[in-house]
N, C-alpha and C. Protein backbone atom coordinates (compact mmCIF):
# COMPACT_ATOMS: atom_id res chain seq x y z
N MET A 1 53.53 -36.16 69.40
CA MET A 1 53.93 -36.04 70.79
C MET A 1 53.03 -35.00 71.47
N PRO A 2 52.46 -35.33 72.61
CA PRO A 2 51.58 -34.38 73.31
C PRO A 2 52.35 -33.16 73.82
N SER A 3 51.61 -32.10 74.00
CA SER A 3 52.18 -30.86 74.54
C SER A 3 52.56 -31.05 76.00
N ARG A 4 53.64 -30.40 76.40
CA ARG A 4 54.05 -30.41 77.80
C ARG A 4 53.24 -29.42 78.63
N TYR A 5 52.59 -28.46 77.97
CA TYR A 5 51.95 -27.36 78.69
C TYR A 5 50.46 -27.21 78.46
N PHE A 6 49.96 -27.74 77.37
CA PHE A 6 48.59 -27.42 76.95
C PHE A 6 47.77 -28.68 76.70
N PRO A 7 46.44 -28.57 76.89
CA PRO A 7 45.57 -29.66 76.46
C PRO A 7 45.56 -29.71 74.93
N PRO A 8 45.08 -30.79 74.35
CA PRO A 8 45.01 -30.85 72.89
C PRO A 8 44.18 -29.69 72.32
N ALA A 9 44.63 -29.15 71.20
CA ALA A 9 43.95 -28.01 70.58
C ALA A 9 42.51 -28.35 70.21
N ASN A 10 42.22 -29.61 69.94
CA ASN A 10 40.85 -29.97 69.56
C ASN A 10 39.89 -29.91 70.76
N ARG A 11 40.42 -29.61 71.95
CA ARG A 11 39.58 -29.43 73.13
C ARG A 11 39.38 -27.95 73.46
N ALA A 12 39.73 -27.09 72.52
CA ALA A 12 39.55 -25.64 72.72
C ALA A 12 38.07 -25.29 72.79
N SER A 13 37.79 -24.13 73.38
CA SER A 13 36.42 -23.62 73.41
C SER A 13 35.96 -23.34 71.97
N PRO A 14 34.67 -23.13 71.74
CA PRO A 14 34.20 -22.81 70.39
C PRO A 14 34.91 -21.60 69.78
N GLU A 15 35.36 -20.66 70.63
CA GLU A 15 36.08 -19.48 70.13
C GLU A 15 37.56 -19.78 69.88
N GLY A 16 38.04 -20.91 70.39
CA GLY A 16 39.44 -21.29 70.18
C GLY A 16 40.32 -21.16 71.40
N LEU A 17 39.78 -20.79 72.56
CA LEU A 17 40.59 -20.66 73.76
C LEU A 17 41.01 -22.04 74.26
N VAL A 18 42.32 -22.22 74.44
CA VAL A 18 42.87 -23.50 74.87
C VAL A 18 43.27 -23.47 76.34
N ALA A 19 43.88 -22.36 76.78
CA ALA A 19 44.41 -22.30 78.14
C ALA A 19 44.49 -20.85 78.60
N VAL A 20 44.55 -20.68 79.92
CA VAL A 20 44.69 -19.37 80.54
C VAL A 20 45.90 -19.43 81.46
N GLY A 21 46.80 -18.45 81.31
CA GLY A 21 47.96 -18.36 82.20
C GLY A 21 49.17 -19.08 81.66
N GLY A 22 50.26 -18.92 82.36
CA GLY A 22 51.52 -19.55 81.97
C GLY A 22 52.51 -18.52 81.47
N ARG A 23 53.76 -18.71 81.87
CA ARG A 23 54.82 -17.80 81.46
C ARG A 23 55.06 -17.86 79.95
N LEU A 24 55.61 -16.77 79.43
CA LEU A 24 55.98 -16.71 78.01
C LEU A 24 57.42 -17.17 77.84
N SER A 25 57.75 -18.34 78.34
CA SER A 25 59.10 -18.86 78.18
C SER A 25 59.29 -19.32 76.74
N THR A 26 60.54 -19.38 76.31
CA THR A 26 60.81 -19.85 74.94
C THR A 26 60.33 -21.28 74.78
N ASP A 27 60.54 -22.11 75.78
CA ASP A 27 60.11 -23.51 75.70
C ASP A 27 58.60 -23.61 75.55
N ARG A 28 57.86 -22.84 76.34
CA ARG A 28 56.39 -22.88 76.26
C ARG A 28 55.91 -22.34 74.91
N LEU A 29 56.51 -21.26 74.42
CA LEU A 29 56.11 -20.72 73.12
C LEU A 29 56.36 -21.71 71.99
N LEU A 30 57.54 -22.32 71.97
CA LEU A 30 57.84 -23.29 70.92
C LEU A 30 56.89 -24.48 71.00
N ASP A 31 56.61 -24.95 72.20
CA ASP A 31 55.67 -26.05 72.39
C ASP A 31 54.28 -25.65 71.87
N ALA A 32 53.86 -24.44 72.20
CA ALA A 32 52.55 -23.96 71.75
C ALA A 32 52.46 -23.97 70.22
N TYR A 33 53.42 -23.34 69.56
CA TYR A 33 53.38 -23.25 68.10
C TYR A 33 53.44 -24.63 67.45
N ARG A 34 54.21 -25.54 68.02
CA ARG A 34 54.28 -26.90 67.47
C ARG A 34 52.93 -27.61 67.54
N HIS A 35 52.06 -27.16 68.42
CA HIS A 35 50.76 -27.79 68.59
C HIS A 35 49.61 -26.90 68.10
N GLY A 36 49.94 -25.91 67.29
CA GLY A 36 48.90 -25.07 66.69
C GLY A 36 48.27 -24.08 67.65
N ILE A 37 49.01 -23.69 68.67
CA ILE A 37 48.51 -22.79 69.71
C ILE A 37 49.37 -21.53 69.72
N PHE A 38 48.76 -20.38 69.98
CA PHE A 38 49.53 -19.14 70.05
C PHE A 38 48.99 -18.26 71.17
N PRO A 39 49.84 -17.38 71.71
CA PRO A 39 49.39 -16.47 72.77
C PRO A 39 48.70 -15.24 72.18
N TRP A 40 47.67 -14.79 72.84
CA TRP A 40 46.98 -13.56 72.45
C TRP A 40 46.40 -12.95 73.72
N PRO A 41 47.02 -11.90 74.23
CA PRO A 41 46.55 -11.35 75.51
C PRO A 41 45.23 -10.59 75.35
N ASN A 42 44.54 -10.50 76.45
CA ASN A 42 43.35 -9.67 76.54
C ASN A 42 43.71 -8.53 77.48
N THR A 43 43.67 -7.31 76.99
CA THR A 43 44.14 -6.18 77.80
C THR A 43 43.35 -6.00 79.09
N SER A 44 42.14 -6.52 79.17
CA SER A 44 41.36 -6.37 80.39
C SER A 44 41.48 -7.59 81.30
N TYR A 45 42.34 -8.53 80.93
CA TYR A 45 42.48 -9.77 81.69
C TYR A 45 43.96 -10.08 81.81
N GLU A 46 44.47 -10.19 83.02
CA GLU A 46 45.91 -10.26 83.25
C GLU A 46 46.59 -11.53 82.73
N PRO A 47 46.15 -12.74 83.08
CA PRO A 47 46.90 -13.90 82.59
C PRO A 47 46.88 -14.00 81.07
N MET A 48 47.94 -14.58 80.51
CA MET A 48 48.02 -14.78 79.07
C MET A 48 46.94 -15.78 78.64
N LEU A 49 46.32 -15.50 77.51
CA LEU A 49 45.35 -16.42 76.92
C LEU A 49 46.03 -17.12 75.75
N TRP A 50 45.79 -18.42 75.61
CA TRP A 50 46.40 -19.24 74.57
C TRP A 50 45.29 -19.78 73.67
N TRP A 51 45.46 -19.63 72.36
CA TRP A 51 44.39 -19.86 71.40
C TRP A 51 44.78 -20.86 70.31
N SER A 52 43.75 -21.54 69.79
CA SER A 52 43.89 -22.38 68.60
C SER A 52 42.54 -22.39 67.88
N PRO A 53 42.22 -21.29 67.19
CA PRO A 53 40.91 -21.19 66.53
C PRO A 53 40.81 -22.13 65.33
N ASP A 54 39.58 -22.55 65.07
CA ASP A 54 39.30 -23.38 63.90
C ASP A 54 38.03 -22.81 63.27
N PRO A 55 38.09 -22.31 62.06
CA PRO A 55 39.26 -22.32 61.17
C PRO A 55 40.22 -21.17 61.47
N ARG A 56 41.37 -21.23 60.83
CA ARG A 56 42.36 -20.16 60.92
C ARG A 56 42.97 -19.96 59.54
N ALA A 57 43.58 -18.81 59.37
CA ALA A 57 44.18 -18.49 58.07
C ALA A 57 45.50 -19.25 57.91
N VAL A 58 45.54 -20.13 56.93
CA VAL A 58 46.76 -20.84 56.56
C VAL A 58 46.88 -20.71 55.05
N LEU A 59 48.02 -20.20 54.60
CA LEU A 59 48.21 -19.97 53.17
C LEU A 59 49.27 -20.91 52.61
N PRO A 60 48.91 -21.73 51.62
CA PRO A 60 49.96 -22.48 50.91
C PRO A 60 50.83 -21.46 50.17
N LEU A 61 52.13 -21.60 50.28
CA LEU A 61 53.03 -20.61 49.68
C LEU A 61 52.86 -20.52 48.17
N ASP A 62 52.52 -21.64 47.53
CA ASP A 62 52.37 -21.60 46.07
C ASP A 62 51.05 -20.96 45.65
N GLY A 63 50.21 -20.57 46.61
CA GLY A 63 48.95 -19.94 46.28
C GLY A 63 48.89 -18.46 46.58
N VAL A 64 50.02 -17.85 46.93
CA VAL A 64 50.04 -16.42 47.24
C VAL A 64 50.02 -15.62 45.94
N TYR A 65 49.02 -14.76 45.78
CA TYR A 65 48.87 -13.95 44.57
C TYR A 65 49.53 -12.59 44.77
N VAL A 66 50.32 -12.18 43.79
CA VAL A 66 50.96 -10.86 43.81
C VAL A 66 50.46 -10.10 42.59
N SER A 67 49.83 -8.95 42.81
CA SER A 67 49.26 -8.17 41.71
C SER A 67 50.36 -7.66 40.78
N GLN A 68 49.96 -7.38 39.55
CA GLN A 68 50.91 -6.83 38.57
C GLN A 68 51.48 -5.50 39.05
N ARG A 69 50.64 -4.67 39.64
CA ARG A 69 51.10 -3.37 40.14
C ARG A 69 52.19 -3.55 41.19
N LEU A 70 51.98 -4.48 42.11
CA LEU A 70 52.98 -4.72 43.15
C LEU A 70 54.24 -5.33 42.55
N ARG A 71 54.09 -6.24 41.59
CA ARG A 71 55.27 -6.82 40.92
C ARG A 71 56.12 -5.72 40.27
N ARG A 72 55.45 -4.79 39.58
CA ARG A 72 56.19 -3.68 38.95
C ARG A 72 56.92 -2.86 40.00
N ARG A 73 56.26 -2.59 41.08
CA ARG A 73 56.88 -1.78 42.14
C ARG A 73 58.09 -2.50 42.73
N LEU A 74 57.98 -3.79 42.93
CA LEU A 74 59.11 -4.55 43.48
C LEU A 74 60.28 -4.57 42.51
N ARG A 75 59.99 -4.66 41.21
CA ARG A 75 61.06 -4.66 40.19
C ARG A 75 61.70 -3.29 40.02
N SER A 76 61.03 -2.24 40.45
CA SER A 76 61.54 -0.88 40.24
C SER A 76 62.82 -0.59 41.02
N GLY A 77 63.10 -1.38 42.04
CA GLY A 77 64.29 -1.13 42.85
C GLY A 77 64.09 -0.08 43.93
N GLU A 78 62.87 0.38 44.09
CA GLU A 78 62.58 1.39 45.11
C GLU A 78 62.88 0.87 46.52
N PHE A 79 62.59 -0.40 46.75
CA PHE A 79 62.81 -1.01 48.06
C PHE A 79 64.02 -1.93 48.01
N SER A 80 64.72 -2.01 49.13
CA SER A 80 65.71 -3.07 49.30
C SER A 80 65.21 -3.95 50.44
N MET A 81 65.47 -5.23 50.32
CA MET A 81 64.94 -6.19 51.27
C MET A 81 66.08 -6.84 52.04
N ARG A 82 65.85 -7.07 53.32
CA ARG A 82 66.83 -7.75 54.17
C ARG A 82 66.08 -8.70 55.11
N CYS A 83 66.81 -9.68 55.59
CA CYS A 83 66.26 -10.63 56.56
C CYS A 83 67.08 -10.59 57.84
N ASP A 84 66.38 -10.53 58.96
CA ASP A 84 66.99 -10.65 60.29
C ASP A 84 68.06 -9.61 60.61
N THR A 85 67.95 -8.42 60.05
CA THR A 85 68.92 -7.37 60.38
C THR A 85 68.35 -6.33 61.34
N ALA A 86 67.03 -6.33 61.54
CA ALA A 86 66.41 -5.31 62.40
C ALA A 86 65.19 -5.90 63.11
N PHE A 87 65.36 -7.09 63.68
CA PHE A 87 64.22 -7.77 64.32
C PHE A 87 63.59 -6.90 65.40
N ALA A 88 64.39 -6.34 66.29
CA ALA A 88 63.84 -5.54 67.40
C ALA A 88 63.04 -4.36 66.88
N GLU A 89 63.53 -3.72 65.83
CA GLU A 89 62.82 -2.58 65.26
C GLU A 89 61.51 -3.01 64.61
N VAL A 90 61.53 -4.16 63.92
CA VAL A 90 60.32 -4.65 63.26
C VAL A 90 59.25 -4.99 64.29
N ILE A 91 59.59 -5.77 65.30
CA ILE A 91 58.57 -6.18 66.27
C ILE A 91 58.04 -4.96 67.04
N SER A 92 58.89 -4.02 67.33
CA SER A 92 58.43 -2.80 68.01
C SER A 92 57.50 -2.00 67.11
N ALA A 93 57.84 -1.87 65.84
CA ALA A 93 57.01 -1.11 64.90
C ALA A 93 55.66 -1.79 64.67
N CYS A 94 55.62 -3.10 64.77
CA CYS A 94 54.34 -3.81 64.59
C CYS A 94 53.33 -3.42 65.66
N GLY A 95 53.80 -2.94 66.78
CA GLY A 95 52.89 -2.54 67.85
C GLY A 95 52.42 -1.10 67.78
N VAL A 96 53.02 -0.29 66.92
CA VAL A 96 52.68 1.14 66.92
C VAL A 96 52.38 1.69 65.54
N GLY A 97 52.25 0.85 64.54
CA GLY A 97 52.07 1.32 63.17
C GLY A 97 50.69 1.87 62.90
N PRO A 98 50.42 2.28 61.65
CA PRO A 98 49.11 2.80 61.27
C PRO A 98 48.00 1.82 61.63
N GLY A 99 46.89 2.35 62.11
CA GLY A 99 45.76 1.52 62.47
C GLY A 99 45.84 0.94 63.87
N ARG A 100 46.88 1.27 64.62
CA ARG A 100 47.05 0.69 65.96
C ARG A 100 47.01 1.77 67.05
N GLN A 101 46.30 2.84 66.81
CA GLN A 101 46.26 3.94 67.76
C GLN A 101 45.62 3.54 69.08
N GLY A 102 44.77 2.52 69.08
CA GLY A 102 44.09 2.10 70.30
C GLY A 102 44.88 1.13 71.14
N GLY A 103 46.13 0.91 70.83
CA GLY A 103 46.92 -0.04 71.59
C GLY A 103 47.37 -1.19 70.72
N THR A 104 47.99 -2.16 71.34
CA THR A 104 48.51 -3.29 70.60
C THR A 104 48.39 -4.55 71.43
N TRP A 105 48.37 -5.66 70.76
CA TRP A 105 48.39 -6.94 71.45
C TRP A 105 49.81 -7.32 71.84
N LEU A 106 50.80 -6.63 71.31
CA LEU A 106 52.20 -6.94 71.61
C LEU A 106 52.60 -6.28 72.93
N THR A 107 52.52 -7.03 73.99
CA THR A 107 52.90 -6.53 75.30
C THR A 107 54.43 -6.52 75.42
N PRO A 108 54.99 -5.77 76.35
CA PRO A 108 56.44 -5.81 76.56
C PRO A 108 56.96 -7.23 76.82
N ALA A 109 56.19 -8.04 77.56
CA ALA A 109 56.62 -9.42 77.82
C ALA A 109 56.66 -10.24 76.54
N MET A 110 55.70 -10.00 75.64
CA MET A 110 55.70 -10.73 74.37
C MET A 110 56.86 -10.29 73.50
N ILE A 111 57.13 -9.00 73.45
CA ILE A 111 58.27 -8.51 72.66
C ILE A 111 59.56 -9.14 73.18
N ALA A 112 59.72 -9.19 74.49
CA ALA A 112 60.92 -9.80 75.08
C ALA A 112 61.01 -11.28 74.73
N ALA A 113 59.90 -12.00 74.80
CA ALA A 113 59.90 -13.44 74.51
C ALA A 113 60.22 -13.72 73.05
N TYR A 114 59.61 -12.98 72.12
CA TYR A 114 59.88 -13.20 70.70
C TYR A 114 61.30 -12.75 70.34
N THR A 115 61.80 -11.73 71.01
CA THR A 115 63.18 -11.30 70.77
C THR A 115 64.15 -12.38 71.22
N GLU A 116 63.85 -13.05 72.32
CA GLU A 116 64.68 -14.18 72.76
C GLU A 116 64.58 -15.33 71.76
N LEU A 117 63.40 -15.59 71.23
CA LEU A 117 63.26 -16.63 70.20
C LEU A 117 64.07 -16.26 68.96
N HIS A 118 64.15 -14.99 68.64
CA HIS A 118 64.98 -14.54 67.53
C HIS A 118 66.46 -14.81 67.83
N ARG A 119 66.88 -14.48 69.03
CA ARG A 119 68.27 -14.72 69.43
C ARG A 119 68.63 -16.20 69.31
N LEU A 120 67.66 -17.06 69.59
CA LEU A 120 67.88 -18.51 69.53
C LEU A 120 67.70 -19.08 68.12
N GLY A 121 67.31 -18.23 67.15
CA GLY A 121 67.19 -18.68 65.77
C GLY A 121 65.82 -19.19 65.36
N HIS A 122 64.80 -18.97 66.17
CA HIS A 122 63.45 -19.45 65.85
C HIS A 122 62.55 -18.37 65.27
N ALA A 123 62.73 -17.14 65.68
CA ALA A 123 61.91 -16.03 65.18
C ALA A 123 62.74 -15.23 64.18
N HIS A 124 62.07 -14.75 63.14
CA HIS A 124 62.78 -14.07 62.06
C HIS A 124 61.99 -12.85 61.60
N SER A 125 62.72 -11.95 60.96
CA SER A 125 62.07 -10.77 60.38
C SER A 125 62.52 -10.60 58.94
N VAL A 126 61.62 -10.06 58.14
CA VAL A 126 61.94 -9.61 56.79
C VAL A 126 61.65 -8.12 56.79
N GLU A 127 62.64 -7.35 56.36
CA GLU A 127 62.56 -5.89 56.44
C GLU A 127 62.57 -5.25 55.06
N THR A 128 61.77 -4.21 54.91
CA THR A 128 61.74 -3.41 53.69
C THR A 128 62.38 -2.07 54.01
N TRP A 129 63.38 -1.71 53.21
CA TRP A 129 64.13 -0.47 53.41
C TRP A 129 63.96 0.42 52.19
N LYS A 130 63.93 1.73 52.43
CA LYS A 130 63.87 2.71 51.35
C LYS A 130 64.76 3.87 51.75
N ASP A 131 65.74 4.15 50.92
CA ASP A 131 66.69 5.24 51.19
C ASP A 131 67.32 5.11 52.58
N GLY A 132 67.65 3.88 52.96
CA GLY A 132 68.32 3.64 54.24
C GLY A 132 67.42 3.65 55.45
N GLU A 133 66.12 3.79 55.26
CA GLU A 133 65.17 3.83 56.37
C GLU A 133 64.28 2.59 56.35
N LEU A 134 64.05 2.01 57.52
CA LEU A 134 63.14 0.87 57.65
C LEU A 134 61.71 1.37 57.45
N VAL A 135 61.04 0.88 56.39
CA VAL A 135 59.70 1.37 56.07
C VAL A 135 58.64 0.28 56.13
N GLY A 136 59.03 -0.95 56.37
CA GLY A 136 58.06 -2.03 56.47
C GLY A 136 58.72 -3.31 56.91
N GLY A 137 57.90 -4.25 57.35
CA GLY A 137 58.46 -5.52 57.75
C GLY A 137 57.40 -6.48 58.25
N VAL A 138 57.84 -7.71 58.43
CA VAL A 138 57.02 -8.79 58.96
C VAL A 138 57.91 -9.63 59.85
N TYR A 139 57.33 -10.19 60.91
CA TYR A 139 58.10 -11.12 61.75
C TYR A 139 57.23 -12.31 62.10
N GLY A 140 57.89 -13.41 62.47
CA GLY A 140 57.17 -14.60 62.87
C GLY A 140 58.12 -15.70 63.28
N LEU A 141 57.57 -16.90 63.45
CA LEU A 141 58.33 -18.06 63.91
C LEU A 141 58.37 -19.14 62.84
N ALA A 142 59.54 -19.75 62.70
CA ALA A 142 59.72 -20.89 61.81
C ALA A 142 59.60 -22.16 62.65
N ILE A 143 58.60 -22.98 62.33
CA ILE A 143 58.36 -24.23 63.04
C ILE A 143 58.14 -25.32 62.01
N GLY A 144 59.08 -26.25 61.89
CA GLY A 144 58.95 -27.31 60.89
C GLY A 144 58.84 -26.71 59.50
N GLY A 145 57.86 -27.12 58.72
CA GLY A 145 57.66 -26.58 57.38
C GLY A 145 56.68 -25.43 57.34
N LEU A 146 56.41 -24.84 58.50
CA LEU A 146 55.46 -23.73 58.61
C LEU A 146 56.18 -22.49 59.11
N PHE A 147 55.81 -21.35 58.57
CA PHE A 147 56.25 -20.08 59.14
C PHE A 147 55.00 -19.38 59.64
N ALA A 148 54.94 -19.14 60.95
CA ALA A 148 53.80 -18.45 61.56
C ALA A 148 54.10 -16.96 61.56
N ALA A 149 53.61 -16.26 60.53
CA ALA A 149 53.80 -14.81 60.44
C ALA A 149 52.88 -14.17 61.48
N GLU A 150 53.46 -13.43 62.40
CA GLU A 150 52.70 -12.88 63.51
C GLU A 150 52.16 -11.48 63.27
N SER A 151 52.96 -10.61 62.67
CA SER A 151 52.49 -9.25 62.47
C SER A 151 53.35 -8.56 61.41
N MET A 152 52.79 -7.49 60.84
CA MET A 152 53.49 -6.70 59.83
C MET A 152 53.24 -5.23 60.14
N PHE A 153 54.08 -4.38 59.53
CA PHE A 153 53.86 -2.95 59.65
C PHE A 153 54.34 -2.28 58.37
N TYR A 154 53.91 -1.05 58.17
CA TYR A 154 54.41 -0.26 57.04
C TYR A 154 54.45 1.21 57.42
N ARG A 155 55.40 1.88 56.82
CA ARG A 155 55.50 3.35 56.93
C ARG A 155 55.49 3.97 55.53
N ALA A 156 55.53 3.12 54.52
CA ALA A 156 55.45 3.54 53.13
C ALA A 156 54.51 2.57 52.42
N ARG A 157 53.75 3.09 51.48
CA ARG A 157 52.79 2.26 50.75
C ARG A 157 53.48 1.02 50.18
N ASP A 158 52.84 -0.12 50.36
CA ASP A 158 53.29 -1.42 49.85
C ASP A 158 54.51 -2.00 50.55
N ALA A 159 55.04 -1.32 51.55
CA ALA A 159 56.27 -1.82 52.20
C ALA A 159 56.03 -3.13 52.95
N SER A 160 54.90 -3.28 53.62
CA SER A 160 54.64 -4.54 54.31
C SER A 160 54.32 -5.64 53.29
N LYS A 161 53.65 -5.29 52.20
CA LYS A 161 53.38 -6.28 51.15
C LYS A 161 54.68 -6.75 50.52
N ALA A 162 55.62 -5.83 50.32
CA ALA A 162 56.93 -6.20 49.77
C ALA A 162 57.63 -7.18 50.70
N ALA A 163 57.55 -6.94 52.00
CA ALA A 163 58.18 -7.85 52.97
C ALA A 163 57.51 -9.22 52.92
N LEU A 164 56.20 -9.25 52.78
CA LEU A 164 55.50 -10.52 52.72
C LEU A 164 55.87 -11.30 51.46
N VAL A 165 55.95 -10.62 50.32
CA VAL A 165 56.36 -11.28 49.08
C VAL A 165 57.77 -11.84 49.21
N ARG A 166 58.67 -11.05 49.77
CA ARG A 166 60.05 -11.53 49.97
C ARG A 166 60.08 -12.72 50.91
N LEU A 167 59.27 -12.68 51.97
CA LEU A 167 59.18 -13.81 52.90
C LEU A 167 58.72 -15.07 52.17
N VAL A 168 57.69 -14.97 51.35
CA VAL A 168 57.19 -16.12 50.60
C VAL A 168 58.28 -16.67 49.69
N GLU A 169 59.01 -15.80 48.99
CA GLU A 169 60.11 -16.26 48.13
C GLU A 169 61.18 -16.97 48.94
N HIS A 170 61.56 -16.38 50.06
CA HIS A 170 62.59 -16.92 50.94
C HIS A 170 62.18 -18.30 51.47
N LEU A 171 60.95 -18.41 51.94
CA LEU A 171 60.47 -19.67 52.49
C LEU A 171 60.35 -20.74 51.41
N SER A 172 59.82 -20.37 50.25
CA SER A 172 59.66 -21.33 49.15
C SER A 172 61.00 -21.91 48.73
N ALA A 173 62.02 -21.06 48.68
CA ALA A 173 63.36 -21.52 48.28
C ALA A 173 63.96 -22.48 49.31
N ARG A 174 63.43 -22.49 50.51
CA ARG A 174 63.95 -23.34 51.58
C ARG A 174 63.04 -24.52 51.89
N GLY A 175 62.07 -24.77 51.04
CA GLY A 175 61.23 -25.94 51.19
C GLY A 175 60.02 -25.80 52.11
N TYR A 176 59.76 -24.60 52.59
CA TYR A 176 58.56 -24.40 53.40
C TYR A 176 57.34 -24.50 52.50
N ARG A 177 56.20 -24.84 53.10
CA ARG A 177 54.98 -25.00 52.32
C ARG A 177 53.84 -24.11 52.77
N LEU A 178 53.86 -23.72 54.03
CA LEU A 178 52.70 -23.00 54.58
C LEU A 178 53.11 -21.72 55.28
N LEU A 179 52.22 -20.76 55.24
CA LEU A 179 52.38 -19.49 55.94
C LEU A 179 51.11 -19.27 56.75
């Protein structure tokens, strides 16, 4: 079924730009993701930019490698894992974590739009907790058999990796195939 909002992704520019402008409504975002398109703002350019680069990172869930060191750490019980209990905190932390001192691509409008998608059951978070404190996480959108992981953060070593491993386990158990 063709997109209601976007030209076909195979008509993107060589860099992957599909469209310029358009509100970040839940309907438009879901339509975009269903057609392999995602928003990525340019801080020096006001309208939202919509992208579908080729190639892009797509991971088969059965091909995710977890090192022995990380496996041992996960088995140690140091972290506790939860899903969808702190979505707002995870998405906010993804914009201000280590390595993001120069700003973030997560604009307030994007945070509001993804938070609404979470409220509607489309966006999800996996959280890593240590001693009752949120120390890592990942969030993204579930579309068909794909989970589009959008961003991760950590405040403790391996906390975002732990969230990603838990996400892969969670998705695999539910029949998802791609990340």
